[in-house]
Amino acid sequence: MPAKPHPHEPLIFAWQARDHSTWHLVVALLVLMGAMAGFFFVFRIVHPVTQRVTTTPQHMISLDPRDPAALALIHRAQDRSFALLNDAEATTPLESGLLAFRPSFEGYELKLRELEPTATTVKQPRLFTPGRDVLPPVPRRVVEPVTAPSAATLRAVMSSTLAKRGPASVELPGIALTQPTRVQFRVAVGSAGQVLTALPLGSAEDAEVMSQLQAAVNALRFQPSEVKRIEWGEVSFRWEVAKP
C-alpha cells in the first residue's frame, strides 16, 4: 500500500514516510532462488551408462598331425599361407641356387702383409729451431749495489708525539742500512719511558740488519709521563752526512 502524502513540514528527514524496499528485496530473492532451482533441473548433467564388455580369454590349441581332423586343418592353413612350413620341411636345407648366398671373401685366408722398405728421408730446412735464439741478444742490466756513504751517519728520527718526551733523533752507529725509507717502526712507550713494543712497518733486504734495528729501537729511552700509561709513535731512519 503506498504511503499517504504528508504535508510539508520544515524537517530535514521525512520520519512518517514508510520504506518498502526490504519487501522488494525479499520478493526478488525468492524469484531468483526459484529461477536457479529451475536451471538446476533443466541443465542437469546426466552421465551415460556404460555397458560392461565381456572379454573372452585367448586360448592356444596345439594341433596334433596324427589326428585326421587336425591334419586337415593344418593343410588348409598351409594352402592359405605359403610361409607356414611343417617340421619336416623346416629341417631340410634349401637346395635352390637362387636363394643361396655365397660371400666373396669365402675361403679367403688371412696372411700378414710384408713389410715395405723404409724410404730415404729427405731433410728439409727448418725455419725454426727450439734451441735457436730468435730475438737479438739483449745486454744485461747492470745493477750497482747501493752502499752507505762512509762519512754519513744513520739516525733514528722520532715522530712528533715521541719527540716531546725525548730527543728528536738518535745516532745508530754500526748498522749498514741501504734503504732507510722502506723501514719504519711503530713504538709503544710506557709511563716510565721504556719501549714496550716495537712493530716493524717495513722490511729491509737483510734479516741481520732488521734484528740490529729492532734491538736499537728497544734500547731507546724517553722521559717518564704520569698522564699517559702507553703512548704510541713512529720511528723512521735517515742518513745524515757530517758537516765538514
C-alpha atoms as a PDB file:
ATOM      1  CA  MET A   1       0.000   0.000   0.000  1.00  0.00           C
ATOM      2  CA  PRO A   2       1.589   3.347  -0.975  1.00  0.00           C
ATOM      3  CA  ALA A   3       2.316   5.806   1.738  1.00  0.00           C
ATOM      4  CA  LYS A   4      -0.064   8.682   2.248  1.00  0.00           C
ATOM      5  CA  PRO A   5       1.194  12.075   1.213  1.00  0.00           C
ATOM      6  CA  HIS A   6       2.246  14.049   4.195  1.00  0.00           C
ATOM      7  CA  PRO A   7       2.002  17.796   4.463  1.00  0.00           C
ATOM      8  CA  HIS A   8       5.027  19.929   4.010  1.00  0.00           C
ATOM      9  CA  GLU A   9       6.876  20.298   7.259  1.00  0.00           C
ATOM     10  CA  PRO A  10      10.114  22.235   7.910  1.00  0.00           C
ATOM     11  CA  LEU A  11      12.052  19.000   8.669  1.00  0.00           C
ATOM     12  CA  ILE A  12      15.137  17.558   7.012  1.00  0.00           C
ATOM     13  CA  PHE A  13      14.039  13.874   7.188  1.00  0.00           C
ATOM     14  CA  ALA A  14      10.535  12.547   6.458  1.00  0.00           C
ATOM     15  CA  TRP A  15      10.091  10.430   9.591  1.00  0.00           C
ATOM     16  CA  GLN A  16       6.486   9.457   8.815  1.00  0.00           C
ATOM     17  CA  ALA A  17       7.229   8.022   5.303  1.00  0.00           C
ATOM     18  CA  ARG A  18       7.322   4.210   5.076  1.00  0.00           C
ATOM     19  CA  ASP A  19      10.103   2.436   3.151  1.00  0.00           C
ATOM     20  CA  HIS A  20       9.069  -0.830   1.395  1.00  0.00           C
ATOM     21  CA  SER A  21      12.469  -1.586  -0.208  1.00  0.00           C
ATOM     22  CA  THR A  22      13.055  -4.528   2.184  1.00  0.00           C
ATOM     23  CA  TRP A  23       9.960  -6.378   0.927  1.00  0.00           C
ATOM     24  CA  HIS A  24      11.027  -5.732  -2.646  1.00  0.00           C
ATOM     25  CA  LEU A  25      14.433  -7.309  -1.957  1.00  0.00           C
ATOM     26  CA  VAL A  26      12.818 -10.353  -0.303  1.00  0.00           C
ATOM     27  CA  VAL A  27      10.487 -10.905  -3.270  1.00  0.00           C
ATOM     28  CA  ALA A  28      13.356 -10.516  -5.755  1.00  0.00           C
ATOM     29  CA  LEU A  29      15.461 -13.037  -3.759  1.00  0.00           C
ATOM     30  CA  LEU A  30      12.645 -15.606  -3.773  1.00  0.00           C
ATOM     31  CA  VAL A  31      12.196 -15.190  -7.533  1.00  0.00           C
ATOM     32  CA  LEU A  32      15.938 -15.608  -8.111  1.00  0.00           C
ATOM     33  CA  MET A  33      16.077 -18.750  -5.958  1.00  0.00           C
ATOM     34  CA  GLY A  34      13.177 -20.250  -7.910  1.00  0.00           C
ATOM     35  CA  ALA A  35      14.887 -19.453 -11.218  1.00  0.00           C
ATOM     36  CA  MET A  36      18.149 -21.029 -10.079  1.00  0.00           C
ATOM     37  CA  ALA A  37      16.348 -24.158  -8.920  1.00  0.00           C
ATOM     38  CA  GLY A  38      14.665 -24.423 -12.323  1.00  0.00           C
ATOM     39  CA  PHE A  39      18.038 -24.051 -14.060  1.00  0.00           C
ATOM     40  CA  PHE A  40      19.426 -26.917 -11.958  1.00  0.00           C
ATOM     41  CA  PHE A  41      16.648 -29.194 -13.162  1.00  0.00           C
ATOM     42  CA  VAL A  42      16.783 -28.089 -16.798  1.00  0.00           C
ATOM     43  CA  PHE A  43      20.543 -28.101 -17.252  1.00  0.00           C
ATOM     44  CA  ARG A  44      21.476 -31.014 -15.016  1.00  0.00           C
ATOM     45  CA  ILE A  45      24.310 -33.305 -16.099  1.00  0.00           C
ATOM     46  CA  VAL A  46      23.308 -36.825 -16.998  1.00  0.00           C
ATOM     47  CA  HIS A  47      26.175 -39.287 -17.206  1.00  0.00           C
ATOM     48  CA  PRO A  48      25.832 -42.030 -19.829  1.00  0.00           C
ATOM     49  CA  VAL A  49      25.521 -45.559 -18.601  1.00  0.00           C
ATOM     50  CA  THR A  50      28.490 -47.623 -19.737  1.00  0.00           C
ATOM     51  CA  GLN A  51      27.967 -51.236 -20.557  1.00  0.00           C
ATOM     52  CA  ARG A  52      30.464 -53.811 -19.495  1.00  0.00           C
ATOM     53  CA  VAL A  53      32.204 -55.606 -22.330  1.00  0.00           C
ATOM     54  CA  THR A  54      32.731 -59.267 -21.711  1.00  0.00           C
ATOM     55  CA  THR A  55      36.189 -60.300 -22.825  1.00  0.00           C
ATOM     56  CA  THR A  56      36.925 -63.852 -23.695  1.00  0.00           C
ATOM     57  CA  PRO A  57      40.379 -65.112 -22.726  1.00  0.00           C
ATOM     58  CA  GLN A  58      42.671 -66.201 -25.505  1.00  0.00           C
ATOM     59  CA  HIS A  59      43.353 -69.887 -25.820  1.00  0.00           C
ATOM     60  CA  MET A  60      46.162 -71.673 -27.596  1.00  0.00           C
ATOM     61  CA  ILE A  61      45.245 -75.016 -29.110  1.00  0.00           C
ATOM     62  CA  SER A  62      48.004 -77.353 -30.187  1.00  0.00           C
ATOM     63  CA  LEU A  63      47.172 -79.373 -33.283  1.00  0.00           C
ATOM     64  CA  ASP A  64      48.380 -82.938 -33.449  1.00  0.00           C
ATOM     65  CA  PRO A  65      49.249 -84.077 -37.010  1.00  0.00           C
ATOM     66  CA  ARG A  66      48.311 -87.619 -36.064  1.00  0.00           C
ATOM     67  CA  ASP A  67      44.678 -86.521 -35.700  1.00  0.00           C
ATOM     68  CA  PRO A  68      42.989 -86.546 -39.167  1.00  0.00           C
ATOM     69  CA  ALA A  69      40.820 -83.521 -38.339  1.00  0.00           C
ATOM     70  CA  ALA A  70      43.795 -81.546 -37.023  1.00  0.00           C
ATOM     71  CA  LEU A  71      45.913 -82.575 -40.031  1.00  0.00           C
ATOM     72  CA  ALA A  72      43.240 -81.355 -42.434  1.00  0.00           C
ATOM     73  CA  LEU A  73      43.145 -78.012 -40.614  1.00  0.00           C
ATOM     74  CA  ILE A  74      46.956 -77.724 -40.853  1.00  0.00           C
ATOM     75  CA  HIS A  75      46.850 -78.413 -44.615  1.00  0.00           C
ATOM     76  CA  ARG A  76      44.151 -75.790 -45.078  1.00  0.00           C
ATOM     77  CA  ALA A  77      46.276 -73.196 -43.218  1.00  0.00           C
ATOM     78  CA  GLN A  78      49.336 -74.088 -45.312  1.00  0.00           C
ATOM     79  CA  ASP A  79      47.355 -73.635 -48.510  1.00  0.00           C
ATOM     80  CA  ARG A  80      46.327 -70.134 -47.493  1.00  0.00           C
ATOM     81  CA  SER A  81      49.800 -69.023 -46.276  1.00  0.00           C
ATOM     82  CA  PHE A  82      52.922 -70.247 -48.031  1.00  0.00           C
ATOM     83  CA  ALA A  83      55.125 -69.110 -45.123  1.00  0.00           C
ATOM     84  CA  LEU A  84      53.817 -71.799 -42.812  1.00  0.00           C
ATOM     85  CA  LEU A  85      56.047 -74.866 -43.030  1.00  0.00           C
ATOM     86  CA  ASN A  86      55.852 -78.076 -41.128  1.00  0.00           C
ATOM     87  CA  ASP A  87      58.715 -79.507 -39.105  1.00  0.00           C
ATOM     88  CA  ALA A  88      59.843 -81.845 -41.858  1.00  0.00           C
ATOM     89  CA  GLU A  89      60.177 -79.063 -44.453  1.00  0.00           C
ATOM     90  CA  ALA A  90      61.827 -76.656 -41.995  1.00  0.00           C
ATOM     91  CA  THR A  91      64.665 -79.053 -41.206  1.00  0.00           C
ATOM     92  CA  THR A  92      65.566 -79.723 -44.858  1.00  0.00           C
ATOM     93  CA  PRO A  93      68.001 -77.119 -46.280  1.00  0.00           C
ATOM     94  CA  LEU A  94      67.161 -75.177 -49.402  1.00  0.00           C
ATOM     95  CA  GLU A  95      68.888 -76.552 -52.452  1.00  0.00           C
ATOM     96  CA  SER A  96      67.858 -73.788 -54.803  1.00  0.00           C
ATOM     97  CA  GLY A  97      70.832 -71.911 -56.207  1.00  0.00           C
ATOM     98  CA  LEU A  98      68.872 -68.687 -56.478  1.00  0.00           C
ATOM     99  CA  LEU A  99      68.383 -68.371 -52.701  1.00  0.00           C
ATOM    100  CA  ALA A 100      71.886 -69.411 -51.671  1.00  0.00           C
ATOM    101  CA  PHE A 101      74.258 -66.598 -50.706  1.00  0.00           C
ATOM    102  CA  ARG A 102      77.991 -67.036 -51.017  1.00  0.00           C
ATOM    103  CA  PRO A 103      80.120 -64.064 -49.919  1.00  0.00           C
ATOM    104  CA  SER A 104      83.134 -63.026 -51.974  1.00  0.00           C
ATOM    105  CA  PHE A 105      85.518 -63.487 -49.035  1.00  0.00           C
ATOM    106  CA  GLU A 106      84.525 -67.119 -48.545  1.00  0.00           C
ATOM    107  CA  GLY A 107      87.625 -69.313 -48.368  1.00  0.00           C
ATOM    108  CA  TYR A 108      89.973 -66.309 -48.044  1.00  0.00           C
ATOM    109  CA  GLU A 109      92.924 -66.892 -45.714  1.00  0.00           C
ATOM    110  CA  LEU A 110      94.270 -64.059 -43.630  1.00  0.00           C
ATOM    111  CA  LYS A 111      98.004 -63.520 -44.047  1.00  0.00           C
ATOM    112  CA  LEU A 112     100.445 -60.958 -42.705  1.00  0.00           C
ATOM    113  CA  ARG A 113     101.442 -58.223 -45.071  1.00  0.00           C
ATOM    114  CA  GLU A 114     105.103 -57.953 -45.976  1.00  0.00           C
ATOM    115  CA  LEU A 115     106.969 -55.015 -44.547  1.00  0.00           C
ATOM    116  CA  GLU A 116     107.814 -52.290 -47.013  1.00  0.00           C
ATOM    117  CA  PRO A 117     111.384 -50.980 -47.054  1.00  0.00           C
ATOM    118  CA  THR A 118     111.845 -47.650 -45.307  1.00  0.00           C
ATOM    119  CA  ALA A 119     112.141 -44.803 -47.734  1.00  0.00           C
ATOM    120  CA  THR A 120     115.080 -42.499 -47.511  1.00  0.00           C
ATOM    121  CA  THR A 121     114.067 -39.424 -45.545  1.00  0.00           C
ATOM    122  CA  VAL A 122     114.717 -36.089 -47.153  1.00  0.00           C
ATOM    123  CA  LYS A 123     115.902 -33.491 -44.715  1.00  0.00           C
ATOM    124  CA  GLN A 124     114.015 -30.263 -45.114  1.00  0.00           C
ATOM    125  CA  PRO A 125     115.497 -26.982 -43.930  1.00  0.00           C
ATOM    126  CA  ARG A 126     113.991 -25.914 -40.620  1.00  0.00           C
ATOM    127  CA  LEU A 127     112.871 -22.371 -40.291  1.00  0.00           C
ATOM    128  CA  PHE A 128     112.599 -22.560 -36.519  1.00  0.00           C
ATOM    129  CA  THR A 129     114.760 -24.484 -34.065  1.00  0.00           C
ATOM    130  CA  PRO A 130     113.810 -24.655 -30.367  1.00  0.00           C
ATOM    131  CA  GLY A 131     117.379 -24.092 -29.226  1.00  0.00           C
ATOM    132  CA  ARG A 132     117.999 -21.138 -31.503  1.00  0.00           C
ATOM    133  CA  ASP A 133     117.606 -17.574 -30.284  1.00  0.00           C
ATOM    134  CA  VAL A 134     115.080 -15.711 -32.424  1.00  0.00           C
ATOM    135  CA  LEU A 135     115.484 -12.278 -30.840  1.00  0.00           C
ATOM    136  CA  PRO A 136     118.804 -10.458 -30.894  1.00  0.00           C
ATOM    137  CA  PRO A 137     120.838 -10.626 -27.704  1.00  0.00           C
ATOM    138  CA  VAL A 138     119.912  -8.011 -25.126  1.00  0.00           C
ATOM    139  CA  PRO A 139     122.666  -6.641 -22.916  1.00  0.00           C
ATOM    140  CA  ARG A 140     122.113  -7.399 -19.293  1.00  0.00           C
ATOM    141  CA  ARG A 141     121.262  -4.572 -16.979  1.00  0.00           C
ATOM    142  CA  VAL A 142     123.991  -3.829 -14.536  1.00  0.00           C
ATOM    143  CA  VAL A 143     122.623  -3.077 -11.079  1.00  0.00           C
ATOM    144  CA  GLU A 144     125.086  -1.348  -8.878  1.00  0.00           C
ATOM    145  CA  PRO A 145     124.695  -2.109  -5.191  1.00  0.00           C
ATOM    146  CA  VAL A 146     123.673   0.837  -3.060  1.00  0.00           C
ATOM    147  CA  THR A 147     126.147   1.357  -0.282  1.00  0.00           C
ATOM    148  CA  ALA A 148     126.041   3.838   2.549  1.00  0.00           C
ATOM    149  CA  PRO A 149     128.483   6.724   2.288  1.00  0.00           C
ATOM    150  CA  SER A 150     131.497   6.443   4.529  1.00  0.00           C
ATOM    151  CA  ALA A 151     131.075   9.906   6.029  1.00  0.00           C
ATOM    152  CA  ALA A 152     127.307   9.506   6.698  1.00  0.00           C
ATOM    153  CA  THR A 153     125.659   8.574   9.989  1.00  0.00           C
ATOM    154  CA  LEU A 154     122.445   6.590  10.422  1.00  0.00           C
ATOM    155  CA  ARG A 155     119.956   8.326  12.703  1.00  0.00           C
ATOM    156  CA  ALA A 156     116.617   7.276  14.148  1.00  0.00           C
ATOM    157  CA  VAL A 157     114.058  10.067  13.723  1.00  0.00           C
ATOM    158  CA  MET A 158     111.171  10.262  16.223  1.00  0.00           C
ATOM    159  CA  SER A 159     107.643  11.382  15.415  1.00  0.00           C
ATOM    160  CA  SER A 160     106.121  14.498  16.978  1.00  0.00           C
ATOM    161  CA  THR A 161     104.491  12.566  19.840  1.00  0.00           C
ATOM    162  CA  LEU A 162     107.754  10.861  20.846  1.00  0.00           C
ATOM    163  CA  ALA A 163     109.915  13.958  20.267  1.00  0.00           C
ATOM    164  CA  LYS A 164     108.090  15.688  23.151  1.00  0.00           C
ATOM    165  CA  ARG A 165     109.390  13.062  25.585  1.00  0.00           C
ATOM    166  CA  GLY A 166     112.952  12.710  24.289  1.00  0.00           C
ATOM    167  CA  PRO A 167     115.472  13.630  21.601  1.00  0.00           C
ATOM    168  CA  ALA A 168     114.232  14.228  18.069  1.00  0.00           C
ATOM    169  CA  SER A 169     116.910  11.926  16.590  1.00  0.00           C
ATOM    170  CA  VAL A 170     119.347   9.347  17.918  1.00  0.00           C
ATOM    171  CA  GLU A 171     122.565   8.216  16.218  1.00  0.00           C
ATOM    172  CA  LEU A 172     122.778   4.485  15.448  1.00  0.00           C
ATOM    173  CA  PRO A 173     126.397   3.584  14.588  1.00  0.00           C
ATOM    174  CA  GLY A 174     127.455   0.242  13.118  1.00  0.00           C
ATOM    175  CA  ILE A 175     124.239  -0.508  11.174  1.00  0.00           C
ATOM    176  CA  ALA A 176     124.537  -0.711   7.354  1.00  0.00           C
ATOM    177  CA  LEU A 177     121.008   0.157   6.253  1.00  0.00           C
ATOM    178  CA  THR A 178     120.952   0.693   2.462  1.00  0.00           C
ATOM    179  CA  GLN A 179     117.292   1.766   2.054  1.00  0.00           C
ATOM    180  CA  PRO A 180     116.205   3.723   5.152  1.00  0.00           C
ATOM    181  CA  THR A 181     112.966   4.999   3.590  1.00  0.00           C
ATOM    182  CA  ARG A 182     111.464   1.476   3.467  1.00  0.00           C
ATOM    183  CA  VAL A 183     111.932   0.730   7.196  1.00  0.00           C
ATOM    184  CA  GLN A 184     109.746   2.194   9.948  1.00  0.00           C
ATOM    185  CA  PHE A 185     108.754   1.054  13.440  1.00  0.00           C
ATOM    186  CA  ARG A 186     105.521   1.575  15.387  1.00  0.00           C
ATOM    187  CA  VAL A 187     106.605   2.078  19.003  1.00  0.00           C
ATOM    188  CA  ALA A 188     104.614   1.897  22.259  1.00  0.00           C
ATOM    189  CA  VAL A 189     106.259   3.834  25.114  1.00  0.00           C
ATOM    190  CA  GLY A 190     105.272   3.178  28.725  1.00  0.00           C
ATOM    191  CA  SER A 191     104.795   5.626  31.554  1.00  0.00           C
ATOM    192  CA  ALA A 192     108.382   5.045  32.784  1.00  0.00           C
ATOM    193  CA  GLY A 193     109.836   5.934  29.376  1.00  0.00           C
ATOM    194  CA  GLN A 194     110.759   2.399  28.291  1.00  0.00           C
ATOM    195  CA  VAL A 195     109.818   0.879  24.912  1.00  0.00           C
ATOM    196  CA  LEU A 196     107.134  -1.756  25.445  1.00  0.00           C
ATOM    197  CA  THR A 197     106.505  -2.819  21.858  1.00  0.00           C
ATOM    198  CA  ALA A 198     108.299  -2.119  18.561  1.00  0.00           C
ATOM    199  CA  LEU A 199     106.378  -3.280  15.499  1.00  0.00           C
ATOM    200  CA  PRO A 200     108.212  -3.062  12.133  1.00  0.00           C
ATOM    201  CA  LEU A 201     106.058  -1.454   9.422  1.00  0.00           C
ATOM    202  CA  GLY A 202     108.563  -2.218   6.634  1.00  0.00           C
ATOM    203  CA  SER A 203     111.295  -4.777   5.988  1.00  0.00           C
ATOM    204  CA  ALA A 204     114.885  -4.329   4.898  1.00  0.00           C
ATOM    205  CA  GLU A 205     116.761  -6.555   2.474  1.00  0.00           C
ATOM    206  CA  ASP A 206     118.798  -8.230   5.224  1.00  0.00           C
ATOM    207  CA  ALA A 207     117.428 -10.039   8.280  1.00  0.00           C
ATOM    208  CA  GLU A 208     120.535  -9.248  10.313  1.00  0.00           C
ATOM    209  CA  VAL A 209     120.069  -5.513   9.704  1.00  0.00           C
ATOM    210  CA  MET A 210     116.430  -5.789  10.851  1.00  0.00           C
ATOM    211  CA  SER A 211     117.476  -7.525  14.065  1.00  0.00           C
ATOM    212  CA  GLN A 212     120.032  -4.759  14.745  1.00  0.00           C
ATOM    213  CA  LEU A 213     117.388  -2.084  14.165  1.00  0.00           C
ATOM    214  CA  GLN A 214     114.936  -3.934  16.427  1.00  0.00           C
ATOM    215  CA  ALA A 215     117.480  -4.070  19.231  1.00  0.00           C
ATOM    216  CA  ALA A 216     118.389  -0.390  18.769  1.00  0.00           C
ATOM    217  CA  VAL A 217     114.743   0.726  18.921  1.00  0.00           C
ATOM    218  CA  ASN A 218     114.056  -1.394  22.026  1.00  0.00           C
ATOM    219  CA  ALA A 219     117.052   0.253  23.727  1.00  0.00           C
ATOM    220  CA  LEU A 220     115.631   3.776  23.306  1.00  0.00           C
ATOM    221  CA  ARG A 221     114.634   5.609  26.495  1.00  0.00           C
ATOM    222  CA  PHE A 222     112.229   8.540  26.896  1.00  0.00           C
ATOM    223  CA  GLN A 223     111.139  10.813  29.707  1.00  0.00           C
ATOM    224  CA  PRO A 224     108.549   9.351  32.101  1.00  0.00           C
ATOM    225  CA  SER A 225     104.984  10.578  31.977  1.00  0.00           C
ATOM    226  CA  GLU A 226     102.364  10.299  34.719  1.00  0.00           C
ATOM    227  CA  VAL A 227      99.457  11.284  32.457  1.00  0.00           C
ATOM    228  CA  LYS A 228      99.560   8.555  29.811  1.00  0.00           C
ATOM    229  CA  ARG A 229     100.353   4.956  30.620  1.00  0.00           C
ATOM    230  CA  ILE A 230     101.026   3.976  26.968  1.00  0.00           C
ATOM    231  CA  GLU A 231     101.818   6.399  24.173  1.00  0.00           C
ATOM    232  CA  TRP A 232     102.251   5.343  20.530  1.00  0.00           C
ATOM    233  CA  GLY A 233     104.561   6.863  17.945  1.00  0.00           C
ATOM    234  CA  GLU A 234     106.673   6.161  14.868  1.00  0.00           C
ATOM    235  CA  VAL A 235     110.426   5.807  14.474  1.00  0.00           C
ATOM    236  CA  SER A 236     111.944   6.263  10.990  1.00  0.00           C
ATOM    237  CA  PHE A 237     115.553   6.289   9.759  1.00  0.00           C
ATOM    238  CA  ARG A 238     117.706   8.513   7.592  1.00  0.00           C
ATOM    239  CA  TRP A 239     121.349   9.058   6.680  1.00  0.00           C
ATOM    240  CA  GLU A 240     122.941  12.352   7.669  1.00  0.00           C
ATOM    241  CA  VAL A 241     126.239  13.495   6.188  1.00  0.00           C
ATOM    242  CA  ALA A 242     128.591  15.012   8.702  1.00  0.00           C
ATOM    243  CA  LYS A 243     129.302  18.649   8.005  1.00  0.00           C
ATOM    244  CA  PRO A 244     132.977  19.489   7.388  1.00  0.00           C
END
